[in-house]
Amino acid sequence: MKIPSQTSPEKTFVPRWKRVLDIGMVVLALPLLIPLALVLAIIIRLVSKGPVLFRQERVGRGGQKFLCYKFRTMYVGAESLSHEGHLRQLIHSDAPMTKMDDRGDSRIIPFGVILRATGLDELPQLINVVKGEMSIVGPRPCLPYEFEHYLPWQRERCNATPGLTGLWQVSGKNSTTFSEMIRLDIEYSRHCNLMFDLEIIFRTIPVLSDQVLKTRKAGKPVRKTIAVDPETIFHTPIINR
């Protein structure tokens, strides 16, 4: 089902060079990523009961919904209402987009914080890249209830294919406000080109390194949360961008 938006078909066209870059990078990285993914899957199964992969509905290019894949970093049945409230507050304020788990979160499984800090929990999204639902570079794919709060001009960010990394992620990320994130994503959608994508990819490496160091220094005290029906596992939002 397509969500009504301000996007138009001609603006959501994916350049051929972008598709070639995405598939080329996936193919080149497979020899390294397949063993790594297997190790991560084993660790997740050992430290927590439940599925290895987490599936969640997201909004992609042109307002089209798709199932986004991740390695599961939360316990099965983790509650989601607190995330919705946190996101709603960020949308309607000028506060920095801090993550809910910055002060610790009891919903996160052992090693889950490390997976999030390094971005390794998003490796399964390469499936979405191969399917053409995502790209290596692009805006963060938003949740349907987040998209519903967008103003008409903000929906222009969906003119670009969502990505694993993007201009917002390498331009301050959680230190920026929601409006700043939207404007950075729109800037990317309007000026997307090969050199811009390569620049963002190279800038992602030091950003991830800095994120890991900050996570190690900060530590994560545990915060109590409420458990719900495990059947909600495939619809439970998580925040890790």
C-alpha atoms as a PDB file:
ATOM      1  CA  MET A   1       0.000   0.000   0.000  1.00  0.00           C
ATOM      2  CA  LYS A   2       1.341   3.388  -0.991  1.00  0.00           C
ATOM      3  CA  ILE A   3       1.197   6.212   1.540  1.00  0.00           C
ATOM      4  CA  PRO A   4      -0.067   9.547   0.097  1.00  0.00           C
ATOM      5  CA  SER A   5       2.862  11.918  -0.323  1.00  0.00           C
ATOM      6  CA  GLN A   6       4.087  14.929  -2.230  1.00  0.00           C
ATOM      7  CA  THR A   7       6.491  12.868  -4.319  1.00  0.00           C
ATOM      8  CA  SER A   8       6.092  12.315  -8.056  1.00  0.00           C
ATOM      9  CA  PRO A   9       7.185   9.339 -10.206  1.00  0.00           C
ATOM     10  CA  GLU A  10       9.819  11.323 -12.146  1.00  0.00           C
ATOM     11  CA  LYS A  11      11.428  12.497  -8.912  1.00  0.00           C
ATOM     12  CA  THR A  12      11.711   8.957  -7.540  1.00  0.00           C
ATOM     13  CA  PHE A  13      13.678   7.590 -10.510  1.00  0.00           C
ATOM     14  CA  VAL A  14      16.807   5.713  -9.407  1.00  0.00           C
ATOM     15  CA  PRO A  15      19.913   6.539 -11.508  1.00  0.00           C
ATOM     16  CA  ARG A  16      21.583   3.521 -13.116  1.00  0.00           C
ATOM     17  CA  TRP A  17      24.966   4.445 -11.615  1.00  0.00           C
ATOM     18  CA  LYS A  18      23.469   4.203  -8.118  1.00  0.00           C
ATOM     19  CA  ARG A  19      22.146   0.707  -8.695  1.00  0.00           C
ATOM     20  CA  VAL A  20      25.512  -0.391 -10.133  1.00  0.00           C
ATOM     21  CA  LEU A  21      27.337   1.072  -7.105  1.00  0.00           C
ATOM     22  CA  ASP A  22      24.993  -0.671  -4.660  1.00  0.00           C
ATOM     23  CA  ILE A  23      25.219  -4.121  -6.239  1.00  0.00           C
ATOM     24  CA  GLY A  24      28.953  -3.781  -6.867  1.00  0.00           C
ATOM     25  CA  MET A  25      29.678  -2.936  -3.228  1.00  0.00           C
ATOM     26  CA  VAL A  26      27.497  -5.790  -1.975  1.00  0.00           C
ATOM     27  CA  VAL A  27      29.225  -8.339  -4.248  1.00  0.00           C
ATOM     28  CA  LEU A  28      32.714  -7.136  -3.277  1.00  0.00           C
ATOM     29  CA  ALA A  29      31.888  -7.253   0.438  1.00  0.00           C
ATOM     30  CA  LEU A  30      30.171 -10.667   0.486  1.00  0.00           C
ATOM     31  CA  PRO A  31      33.314 -12.767   1.211  1.00  0.00           C
ATOM     32  CA  LEU A  32      33.809 -10.761   4.413  1.00  0.00           C
ATOM     33  CA  LEU A  33      30.190 -10.174   5.351  1.00  0.00           C
ATOM     34  CA  ILE A  34      28.870 -13.734   5.087  1.00  0.00           C
ATOM     35  CA  PRO A  35      31.205 -15.177   7.800  1.00  0.00           C
ATOM     36  CA  LEU A  36      30.643 -12.069   9.937  1.00  0.00           C
ATOM     37  CA  ALA A  37      26.875 -12.372   9.619  1.00  0.00           C
ATOM     38  CA  LEU A  38      27.018 -16.046  10.630  1.00  0.00           C
ATOM     39  CA  VAL A  39      29.057 -15.209  13.740  1.00  0.00           C
ATOM     40  CA  LEU A  40      26.644 -12.435  14.733  1.00  0.00           C
ATOM     41  CA  ALA A  41      23.655 -14.723  14.191  1.00  0.00           C
ATOM     42  CA  ILE A  42      25.198 -17.367  16.477  1.00  0.00           C
ATOM     43  CA  ILE A  43      25.908 -14.768  19.192  1.00  0.00           C
ATOM     44  CA  ILE A  44      22.327 -13.483  19.090  1.00  0.00           C
ATOM     45  CA  ARG A  45      20.918 -17.009  19.401  1.00  0.00           C
ATOM     46  CA  LEU A  46      23.225 -17.755  22.333  1.00  0.00           C
ATOM     47  CA  VAL A  47      22.422 -14.631  24.367  1.00  0.00           C
ATOM     48  CA  SER A  48      18.696 -14.343  23.698  1.00  0.00           C
ATOM     49  CA  LYS A  49      15.747 -16.536  22.766  1.00  0.00           C
ATOM     50  CA  GLY A  50      13.884 -15.632  19.619  1.00  0.00           C
ATOM     51  CA  PRO A  51      14.488 -15.009  15.913  1.00  0.00           C
ATOM     52  CA  VAL A  52      17.862 -13.744  14.741  1.00  0.00           C
ATOM     53  CA  LEU A  53      16.369 -11.304  12.276  1.00  0.00           C
ATOM     54  CA  PHE A  54      13.992  -8.465  13.067  1.00  0.00           C
ATOM     55  CA  ARG A  55      11.511  -7.393  10.377  1.00  0.00           C
ATOM     56  CA  GLN A  56       9.831  -4.015  10.504  1.00  0.00           C
ATOM     57  CA  GLU A  57       7.656  -2.026   8.144  1.00  0.00           C
ATOM     58  CA  ARG A  58       9.313   1.156   6.915  1.00  0.00           C
ATOM     59  CA  VAL A  59       8.560   3.882   4.378  1.00  0.00           C
ATOM     60  CA  GLY A  60      10.816   4.075   1.343  1.00  0.00           C
ATOM     61  CA  ARG A  61      11.151   5.908  -1.938  1.00  0.00           C
ATOM     62  CA  GLY A  62       7.970   7.599  -3.111  1.00  0.00           C
ATOM     63  CA  GLY A  63       6.190   6.783   0.159  1.00  0.00           C
ATOM     64  CA  GLN A  64       6.171   3.051  -0.609  1.00  0.00           C
ATOM     65  CA  LYS A  65       6.130   0.660   2.345  1.00  0.00           C
ATOM     66  CA  PHE A  66       8.580  -2.243   2.592  1.00  0.00           C
ATOM     67  CA  LEU A  67       9.863  -4.727   5.171  1.00  0.00           C
ATOM     68  CA  CYS A  68      13.237  -3.658   6.550  1.00  0.00           C
ATOM     69  CA  TYR A  69      15.600  -6.315   7.962  1.00  0.00           C
ATOM     70  CA  LYS A  70      17.953  -6.053  10.924  1.00  0.00           C
ATOM     71  CA  PHE A  71      19.706  -8.295  13.393  1.00  0.00           C
ATOM     72  CA  ARG A  72      17.514  -8.386  16.473  1.00  0.00           C
ATOM     73  CA  THR A  73      19.051  -6.344  19.319  1.00  0.00           C
ATOM     74  CA  MET A  74      16.074  -6.349  21.710  1.00  0.00           C
ATOM     75  CA  TYR A  75      14.399  -9.050  23.740  1.00  0.00           C
ATOM     76  CA  VAL A  76      11.313 -10.584  22.164  1.00  0.00           C
ATOM     77  CA  GLY A  77       8.213  -8.737  23.346  1.00  0.00           C
ATOM     78  CA  ALA A  78       9.957  -5.440  24.131  1.00  0.00           C
ATOM     79  CA  GLU A  79       7.417  -2.619  24.462  1.00  0.00           C
ATOM     80  CA  SER A  80       7.191   0.068  21.778  1.00  0.00           C
ATOM     81  CA  LEU A  81       4.945   2.826  23.161  1.00  0.00           C
ATOM     82  CA  SER A  82       7.863   4.622  24.805  1.00  0.00           C
ATOM     83  CA  HIS A  83       9.624   4.866  21.437  1.00  0.00           C
ATOM     84  CA  GLU A  84       6.565   6.365  19.782  1.00  0.00           C
ATOM     85  CA  GLY A  85       6.323   9.001  22.502  1.00  0.00           C
ATOM     86  CA  HIS A  86      10.042   9.759  22.295  1.00  0.00           C
ATOM     87  CA  LEU A  87       9.879  10.153  18.511  1.00  0.00           C
ATOM     88  CA  ARG A  88       6.775  12.328  18.663  1.00  0.00           C
ATOM     89  CA  GLN A  89       8.558  14.649  21.085  1.00  0.00           C
ATOM     90  CA  LEU A  90      11.587  14.927  18.800  1.00  0.00           C
ATOM     91  CA  ILE A  91       9.412  15.735  15.779  1.00  0.00           C
ATOM     92  CA  HIS A  92       7.655  18.608  17.526  1.00  0.00           C
ATOM     93  CA  SER A  93      10.670  20.103  19.299  1.00  0.00           C
ATOM     94  CA  ASP A  94      14.106  21.559  18.547  1.00  0.00           C
ATOM     95  CA  ALA A  95      15.821  19.068  20.832  1.00  0.00           C
ATOM     96  CA  PRO A  96      18.778  16.984  19.578  1.00  0.00           C
ATOM     97  CA  MET A  97      17.752  13.560  18.270  1.00  0.00           C
ATOM     98  CA  THR A  98      19.223  11.562  21.140  1.00  0.00           C
ATOM     99  CA  LYS A  99      18.581   7.837  21.175  1.00  0.00           C
ATOM    100  CA  MET A 100      16.404   6.276  23.871  1.00  0.00           C
ATOM    101  CA  ASP A 101      19.177   3.856  24.794  1.00  0.00           C
ATOM    102  CA  ASP A 102      21.764   6.580  25.417  1.00  0.00           C
ATOM    103  CA  ARG A 103      21.130   6.193  29.149  1.00  0.00           C
ATOM    104  CA  GLY A 104      20.695   2.442  28.991  1.00  0.00           C
ATOM    105  CA  ASP A 105      17.740   0.286  28.046  1.00  0.00           C
ATOM    106  CA  SER A 106      16.807  -3.042  29.618  1.00  0.00           C
ATOM    107  CA  ARG A 107      15.097  -4.063  26.365  1.00  0.00           C
ATOM    108  CA  ILE A 108      18.478  -4.506  24.657  1.00  0.00           C
ATOM    109  CA  ILE A 109      20.063  -7.964  24.648  1.00  0.00           C
ATOM    110  CA  PRO A 110      23.705  -8.591  25.659  1.00  0.00           C
ATOM    111  CA  PHE A 111      26.068  -7.299  22.946  1.00  0.00           C
ATOM    112  CA  GLY A 112      23.114  -5.381  21.476  1.00  0.00           C
ATOM    113  CA  VAL A 113      24.651  -2.007  22.329  1.00  0.00           C
ATOM    114  CA  ILE A 114      27.838  -2.954  20.479  1.00  0.00           C
ATOM    115  CA  LEU A 115      25.877  -4.087  17.425  1.00  0.00           C
ATOM    116  CA  ARG A 116      24.007  -0.791  17.353  1.00  0.00           C
ATOM    117  CA  ALA A 117      27.077   1.389  17.915  1.00  0.00           C
ATOM    118  CA  THR A 118      28.997  -0.300  15.097  1.00  0.00           C
ATOM    119  CA  GLY A 119      25.988  -0.461  12.761  1.00  0.00           C
ATOM    120  CA  LEU A 120      26.448  -4.230  12.440  1.00  0.00           C
ATOM    121  CA  ASP A 121      22.794  -4.766  13.365  1.00  0.00           C
ATOM    122  CA  GLU A 122      21.949  -3.267   9.972  1.00  0.00           C
ATOM    123  CA  LEU A 123      23.920  -5.789   7.887  1.00  0.00           C
ATOM    124  CA  PRO A 124      20.726  -7.697   6.913  1.00  0.00           C
ATOM    125  CA  GLN A 125      19.534  -4.517   5.209  1.00  0.00           C
ATOM    126  CA  LEU A 126      21.845  -5.530   2.374  1.00  0.00           C
ATOM    127  CA  ILE A 127      18.933  -7.812   1.464  1.00  0.00           C
ATOM    128  CA  ASN A 128      16.846  -4.670   1.019  1.00  0.00           C
ATOM    129  CA  VAL A 129      19.658  -3.136  -1.057  1.00  0.00           C
ATOM    130  CA  VAL A 130      19.757  -6.133  -3.406  1.00  0.00           C
ATOM    131  CA  LYS A 131      15.963  -5.997  -3.748  1.00  0.00           C
ATOM    132  CA  GLY A 132      16.172  -2.305  -4.668  1.00  0.00           C
ATOM    133  CA  GLU A 133      14.177  -1.151  -1.632  1.00  0.00           C
ATOM    134  CA  MET A 134      17.228   0.531  -0.109  1.00  0.00           C
ATOM    135  CA  SER A 135      20.596   1.864  -1.222  1.00  0.00           C
ATOM    136  CA  ILE A 136      24.029   2.036   0.396  1.00  0.00           C
ATOM    137  CA  VAL A 137      23.584   5.825   0.661  1.00  0.00           C
ATOM    138  CA  GLY A 138      20.305   7.603   1.318  1.00  0.00           C
ATOM    139  CA  PRO A 139      18.001   8.958   4.051  1.00  0.00           C
ATOM    140  CA  ARG A 140      17.143   6.832   7.071  1.00  0.00           C
ATOM    141  CA  PRO A 141      13.986   4.811   6.247  1.00  0.00           C
ATOM    142  CA  CYS A 142      11.275   6.187   8.520  1.00  0.00           C
ATOM    143  CA  LEU A 143       8.485   4.390  10.346  1.00  0.00           C
ATOM    144  CA  PRO A 144       4.896   4.700   9.053  1.00  0.00           C
ATOM    145  CA  TYR A 145       3.693   6.556  12.163  1.00  0.00           C
ATOM    146  CA  GLU A 146       6.649   8.952  11.810  1.00  0.00           C
ATOM    147  CA  PHE A 147       5.738   9.598   8.165  1.00  0.00           C
ATOM    148  CA  GLU A 148       2.174  10.471   9.197  1.00  0.00           C
ATOM    149  CA  HIS A 149       3.529  13.419  11.236  1.00  0.00           C
ATOM    150  CA  TYR A 150       5.499  14.857   8.309  1.00  0.00           C
ATOM    151  CA  LEU A 151       4.495  18.218   6.863  1.00  0.00           C
ATOM    152  CA  PRO A 152       4.047  18.250   3.053  1.00  0.00           C
ATOM    153  CA  TRP A 153       7.500  19.776   2.451  1.00  0.00           C
ATOM    154  CA  GLN A 154       9.168  17.218   4.719  1.00  0.00           C
ATOM    155  CA  ARG A 155       7.947  14.326   2.566  1.00  0.00           C
ATOM    156  CA  GLU A 156      10.368  15.374  -0.142  1.00  0.00           C
ATOM    157  CA  ARG A 157      13.010  13.362   1.727  1.00  0.00           C
ATOM    158  CA  CYS A 158      11.235  10.282   0.350  1.00  0.00           C
ATOM    159  CA  ASN A 159      12.188  11.280  -3.201  1.00  0.00           C
ATOM    160  CA  ALA A 160      15.475   9.479  -2.499  1.00  0.00           C
ATOM    161  CA  THR A 161      15.924   5.764  -1.905  1.00  0.00           C
ATOM    162  CA  PRO A 162      16.559   5.151   1.828  1.00  0.00           C
ATOM    163  CA  GLY A 163      20.071   4.034   2.705  1.00  0.00           C
ATOM    164  CA  LEU A 164      22.370   2.370   5.228  1.00  0.00           C
ATOM    165  CA  THR A 165      24.252   5.638   5.627  1.00  0.00           C
ATOM    166  CA  GLY A 166      23.537   9.152   4.471  1.00  0.00           C
ATOM    167  CA  LEU A 167      24.270  12.849   4.653  1.00  0.00           C
ATOM    168  CA  TRP A 168      22.490  13.215   8.007  1.00  0.00           C
ATOM    169  CA  GLN A 169      24.401  10.287   9.519  1.00  0.00           C
ATOM    170  CA  VAL A 170      27.753  11.901   8.696  1.00  0.00           C
ATOM    171  CA  SER A 171      26.672  15.467   9.567  1.00  0.00           C
ATOM    172  CA  GLY A 172      26.078  15.263  13.287  1.00  0.00           C
ATOM    173  CA  LYS A 173      23.354  12.623  13.423  1.00  0.00           C
ATOM    174  CA  ASN A 174      22.001  12.503  17.002  1.00  0.00           C
ATOM    175  CA  SER A 175      23.326  15.983  17.806  1.00  0.00           C
ATOM    176  CA  THR A 176      21.023  17.480  15.162  1.00  0.00           C
ATOM    177  CA  THR A 177      17.305  18.266  15.455  1.00  0.00           C
ATOM    178  CA  PHE A 178      14.524  16.520  13.553  1.00  0.00           C
ATOM    179  CA  SER A 179      14.092  19.519  11.216  1.00  0.00           C
ATOM    180  CA  GLU A 180      17.832  19.572  10.499  1.00  0.00           C
ATOM    181  CA  MET A 181      17.724  15.875   9.642  1.00  0.00           C
ATOM    182  CA  ILE A 182      14.861  16.467   7.220  1.00  0.00           C
ATOM    183  CA  ARG A 183      16.668  19.365   5.535  1.00  0.00           C
ATOM    184  CA  LEU A 184      19.886  17.351   5.157  1.00  0.00           C
ATOM    185  CA  ASP A 185      17.958  14.472   3.592  1.00  0.00           C
ATOM    186  CA  ILE A 186      16.190  16.813   1.181  1.00  0.00           C
ATOM    187  CA  GLU A 187      19.541  18.365   0.267  1.00  0.00           C
ATOM    188  CA  TYR A 188      20.839  14.883  -0.548  1.00  0.00           C
ATOM    189  CA  SER A 189      17.755  13.992  -2.605  1.00  0.00           C
ATOM    190  CA  ARG A 190      18.204  17.156  -4.702  1.00  0.00           C
ATOM    191  CA  HIS A 191      21.963  16.818  -5.286  1.00  0.00           C
ATOM    192  CA  CYS A 192      22.457  13.054  -5.404  1.00  0.00           C
ATOM    193  CA  ASN A 193      25.379  12.054  -7.644  1.00  0.00           C
ATOM    194  CA  LEU A 194      28.164   9.463  -7.730  1.00  0.00           C
ATOM    195  CA  MET A 195      30.862  11.620  -6.138  1.00  0.00           C
ATOM    196  CA  PHE A 196      28.466  12.710  -3.394  1.00  0.00           C
ATOM    197  CA  ASP A 197      27.674   9.061  -2.565  1.00  0.00           C
ATOM    198  CA  LEU A 198      31.373   8.100  -2.486  1.00  0.00           C
ATOM    199  CA  GLU A 199      32.150  11.061  -0.237  1.00  0.00           C
ATOM    200  CA  ILE A 200      29.423  10.027   2.233  1.00  0.00           C
ATOM    201  CA  ILE A 201      30.637   6.412   2.230  1.00  0.00           C
ATOM    202  CA  PHE A 202      34.200   7.453   3.113  1.00  0.00           C
ATOM    203  CA  ARG A 203      32.959   9.897   5.763  1.00  0.00           C
ATOM    204  CA  THR A 204      30.938   7.098   7.389  1.00  0.00           C
ATOM    205  CA  ILE A 205      34.014   5.165   8.544  1.00  0.00           C
ATOM    206  CA  PRO A 206      35.392   7.769  11.013  1.00  0.00           C
ATOM    207  CA  VAL A 207      31.842   8.576  12.163  1.00  0.00           C
ATOM    208  CA  LEU A 208      31.278   4.935  13.129  1.00  0.00           C
ATOM    209  CA  SER A 209      34.644   4.784  14.890  1.00  0.00           C
ATOM    210  CA  ASP A 210      33.795   7.887  16.909  1.00  0.00           C
ATOM    211  CA  GLN A 211      30.375   6.449  17.765  1.00  0.00           C
ATOM    212  CA  VAL A 212      31.932   3.250  19.110  1.00  0.00           C
ATOM    213  CA  LEU A 213      34.402   5.202  21.260  1.00  0.00           C
ATOM    214  CA  LYS A 214      31.635   7.374  22.710  1.00  0.00           C
ATOM    215  CA  THR A 215      29.564   4.275  23.521  1.00  0.00           C
ATOM    216  CA  ARG A 216      32.482   2.666  25.372  1.00  0.00           C
ATOM    217  CA  LYS A 217      33.203   5.805  27.378  1.00  0.00           C
ATOM    218  CA  ALA A 218      29.590   6.563  28.281  1.00  0.00           C
ATOM    219  CA  GLY A 219      28.552   3.167  29.622  1.00  0.00           C
ATOM    220  CA  LYS A 220      24.897   2.121  29.667  1.00  0.00           C
ATOM    221  CA  PRO A 221      22.981   2.090  32.968  1.00  0.00           C
ATOM    222  CA  VAL A 222      19.836  -0.016  32.799  1.00  0.00           C
ATOM    223  CA  ARG A 223      16.391   1.551  32.590  1.00  0.00           C
ATOM    224  CA  LYS A 224      13.243  -0.417  33.418  1.00  0.00           C
ATOM    225  CA  THR A 225      10.722  -1.110  30.654  1.00  0.00           C
ATOM    226  CA  ILE A 226       7.440  -2.963  30.321  1.00  0.00           C
ATOM    227  CA  ALA A 227       7.167  -6.288  28.505  1.00  0.00           C
ATOM    228  CA  VAL A 228       4.286  -7.075  26.126  1.00  0.00           C
ATOM    229  CA  ASP A 229       3.001  -9.976  24.035  1.00  0.00           C
ATOM    230  CA  PRO A 230       5.882 -11.645  22.131  1.00  0.00           C
ATOM    231  CA  GLU A 231       3.670 -11.720  19.029  1.00  0.00           C
ATOM    232  CA  THR A 232       4.454  -8.032  18.572  1.00  0.00           C
ATOM    233  CA  ILE A 233       8.127  -8.735  17.811  1.00  0.00           C
ATOM    234  CA  PHE A 234       7.746  -8.069  14.078  1.00  0.00           C
ATOM    235  CA  HIS A 235       5.968  -4.765  14.696  1.00  0.00           C
ATOM    236  CA  THR A 236       7.998  -3.397  17.601  1.00  0.00           C
ATOM    237  CA  PRO A 237       9.854  -0.213  16.588  1.00  0.00           C
ATOM    238  CA  ILE A 238      13.459   0.151  17.585  1.00  0.00           C
ATOM    239  CA  ILE A 239      15.628   3.247  17.508  1.00  0.00           C
ATOM    240  CA  ASN A 240      19.208   2.893  16.445  1.00  0.00           C
ATOM    241  CA  ARG A 241      19.852   5.821  14.053  1.00  0.00           C
END
